[in-house]
Every structure is written in structure tokens, then in C-alpha cells.
Amino acid sequence: MKKTYAIEVDCANCANLMETAAGKVDGVKNATVNFMTQKMIVEFEEGEEPGVVMKAVLKACKKVEPDCEIALS
């Protein structure tokens, strides 16, 4: 399953770092962050609950950029 989320990211380098961090989270098959559109596309592993996985993704992204926000709704 793929879902798209609005994300606040300040620069293209931070977007790249957050993409890498999100991709390492358990339950994430693939993650793409687009700085220009301020969107994150996440493909989840089979059987994973997106809400639970995205909380871990947000935590990982905040390690890269502490003021990062992802619209989880």
C-alpha cells in the first residue's frame, strides 16, 4: 500500500536525509520525499498498519530535522 503525506522540509538535502531515514524504519518498503512539492510517498510492507509505522517515520525524520512535521491524517 502506498500513501502520500504532506511534509514540511526546509531544504533538498534535508529531504534526502529524511527519505533515507524513513526508508530504514521497520514496515517501510520504500519512501520518497519531494522537496519541491513538500510531499512524502511511503510504500508500506504487506500487513503493516500505516498509522503505527508513520509514527516511527516521524520520529526518525525528527532526528534529521527536529522541526519536521508530517501530516499524518
C-alpha atoms as a PDB file:
ATOM      1  CA  MET A   1       0.000   0.000   0.000  1.00  0.00           C
ATOM      2  CA  LYS A   2       1.242   3.499  -0.877  1.00  0.00           C
ATOM      3  CA  LYS A   3       0.175   6.686   0.862  1.00  0.00           C
ATOM      4  CA  THR A   4       1.100  10.318   0.310  1.00  0.00           C
ATOM      5  CA  TYR A   5       1.666  12.729   3.196  1.00  0.00           C
ATOM      6  CA  ALA A   6       2.257  16.471   3.349  1.00  0.00           C
ATOM      7  CA  ILE A   7       5.648  17.182   4.914  1.00  0.00           C
ATOM      8  CA  GLU A   8       7.431  20.361   5.950  1.00  0.00           C
ATOM      9  CA  VAL A   9      11.073  20.206   4.920  1.00  0.00           C
ATOM     10  CA  ASP A  10      13.440  23.177   4.695  1.00  0.00           C
ATOM     11  CA  CYS A  11      15.940  22.095   2.048  1.00  0.00           C
ATOM     12  CA  ALA A  12      16.616  19.456  -0.595  1.00  0.00           C
ATOM     13  CA  ASN A  13      19.482  17.954   1.420  1.00  0.00           C
ATOM     14  CA  CYS A  14      17.233  17.520   4.475  1.00  0.00           C
ATOM     15  CA  ALA A  15      14.594  15.919   2.241  1.00  0.00           C
ATOM     16  CA  ASN A  16      17.193  13.423   1.040  1.00  0.00           C
ATOM     17  CA  LEU A  17      18.315  12.641   4.594  1.00  0.00           C
ATOM     18  CA  MET A  18      14.699  12.187   5.747  1.00  0.00           C
ATOM     19  CA  GLU A  19      13.995   9.911   2.786  1.00  0.00           C
ATOM     20  CA  THR A  20      16.930   7.720   3.838  1.00  0.00           C
ATOM     21  CA  ALA A  21      15.856   7.732   7.497  1.00  0.00           C
ATOM     22  CA  ALA A  22      12.250   6.861   6.626  1.00  0.00           C
ATOM     23  CA  GLY A  23      13.372   4.025   4.365  1.00  0.00           C
ATOM     24  CA  LYS A  24      15.148   2.359   7.303  1.00  0.00           C
ATOM     25  CA  VAL A  25      12.029   2.223   9.505  1.00  0.00           C
ATOM     26  CA  ASP A  26      10.557  -1.242  10.032  1.00  0.00           C
ATOM     27  CA  GLY A  27       7.401  -1.613   7.949  1.00  0.00           C
ATOM     28  CA  VAL A  28       8.503   0.790   5.208  1.00  0.00           C
ATOM     29  CA  LYS A  29       9.149  -0.829   1.842  1.00  0.00           C
ATOM     30  CA  ASN A  30      10.083   2.434   0.109  1.00  0.00           C
ATOM     31  CA  ALA A  31       9.951   6.151   0.944  1.00  0.00           C
ATOM     32  CA  THR A  32      10.320   9.181  -1.323  1.00  0.00           C
ATOM     33  CA  VAL A  33      10.463  12.801  -0.165  1.00  0.00           C
ATOM     34  CA  ASN A  34       9.959  15.548  -2.751  1.00  0.00           C
ATOM     35  CA  PHE A  35      11.261  18.896  -1.526  1.00  0.00           C
ATOM     36  CA  MET A  36       9.597  20.888  -4.317  1.00  0.00           C
ATOM     37  CA  THR A  37       6.081  19.557  -3.666  1.00  0.00           C
ATOM     38  CA  GLN A  38       6.572  19.089   0.101  1.00  0.00           C
ATOM     39  CA  LYS A  39       5.222  15.525  -0.173  1.00  0.00           C
ATOM     40  CA  MET A  40       6.344  12.180   1.198  1.00  0.00           C
ATOM     41  CA  ILE A  41       5.224   8.991  -0.531  1.00  0.00           C
ATOM     42  CA  VAL A  42       5.533   5.889   1.617  1.00  0.00           C
ATOM     43  CA  GLU A  43       5.052   2.315   0.431  1.00  0.00           C
ATOM     44  CA  PHE A  44       4.339   0.012   3.357  1.00  0.00           C
ATOM     45  CA  GLU A  45       5.302  -3.635   3.792  1.00  0.00           C
ATOM     46  CA  GLU A  46       2.446  -6.126   3.435  1.00  0.00           C
ATOM     47  CA  GLY A  47       0.269  -6.291   6.563  1.00  0.00           C
ATOM     48  CA  GLU A  48       1.730  -3.201   8.252  1.00  0.00           C
ATOM     49  CA  GLU A  49      -0.526  -0.602   9.881  1.00  0.00           C
ATOM     50  CA  PRO A  50       0.290   2.783   8.260  1.00  0.00           C
ATOM     51  CA  GLY A  51      -0.595   4.828  11.347  1.00  0.00           C
ATOM     52  CA  VAL A  52       1.805   2.912  13.576  1.00  0.00           C
ATOM     53  CA  VAL A  53       4.612   2.898  11.004  1.00  0.00           C
ATOM     54  CA  MET A  54       4.242   6.633  10.300  1.00  0.00           C
ATOM     55  CA  LYS A  55       4.723   7.498  13.982  1.00  0.00           C
ATOM     56  CA  ALA A  56       8.110   5.749  13.757  1.00  0.00           C
ATOM     57  CA  VAL A  57       8.833   7.532  10.454  1.00  0.00           C
ATOM     58  CA  LEU A  58       8.087  10.914  12.046  1.00  0.00           C
ATOM     59  CA  LYS A  59      10.396  10.081  14.952  1.00  0.00           C
ATOM     60  CA  ALA A  60      13.188   9.113  12.521  1.00  0.00           C
ATOM     61  CA  CYS A  61      12.689  12.298  10.492  1.00  0.00           C
ATOM     62  CA  LYS A  62      12.794  14.479  13.624  1.00  0.00           C
ATOM     63  CA  LYS A  63      16.278  13.102  14.304  1.00  0.00           C
ATOM     64  CA  VAL A  64      17.323  14.620  10.955  1.00  0.00           C
ATOM     65  CA  GLU A  65      15.359  17.865  11.313  1.00  0.00           C
ATOM     66  CA  PRO A  66      13.828  18.456  14.763  1.00  0.00           C
ATOM     67  CA  ASP A  67      11.145  20.852  13.492  1.00  0.00           C
ATOM     68  CA  CYS A  68       9.946  18.439  10.780  1.00  0.00           C
ATOM     69  CA  GLU A  69       6.177  17.982  10.552  1.00  0.00           C
ATOM     70  CA  ILE A  70       4.293  15.273   8.675  1.00  0.00           C
ATOM     71  CA  ALA A  71       0.510  15.493   8.273  1.00  0.00           C
ATOM     72  CA  LEU A  72      -0.494  12.024   9.464  1.00  0.00           C
ATOM     73  CA  SER A  73      -4.228  12.433   8.863  1.00  0.00           C
END
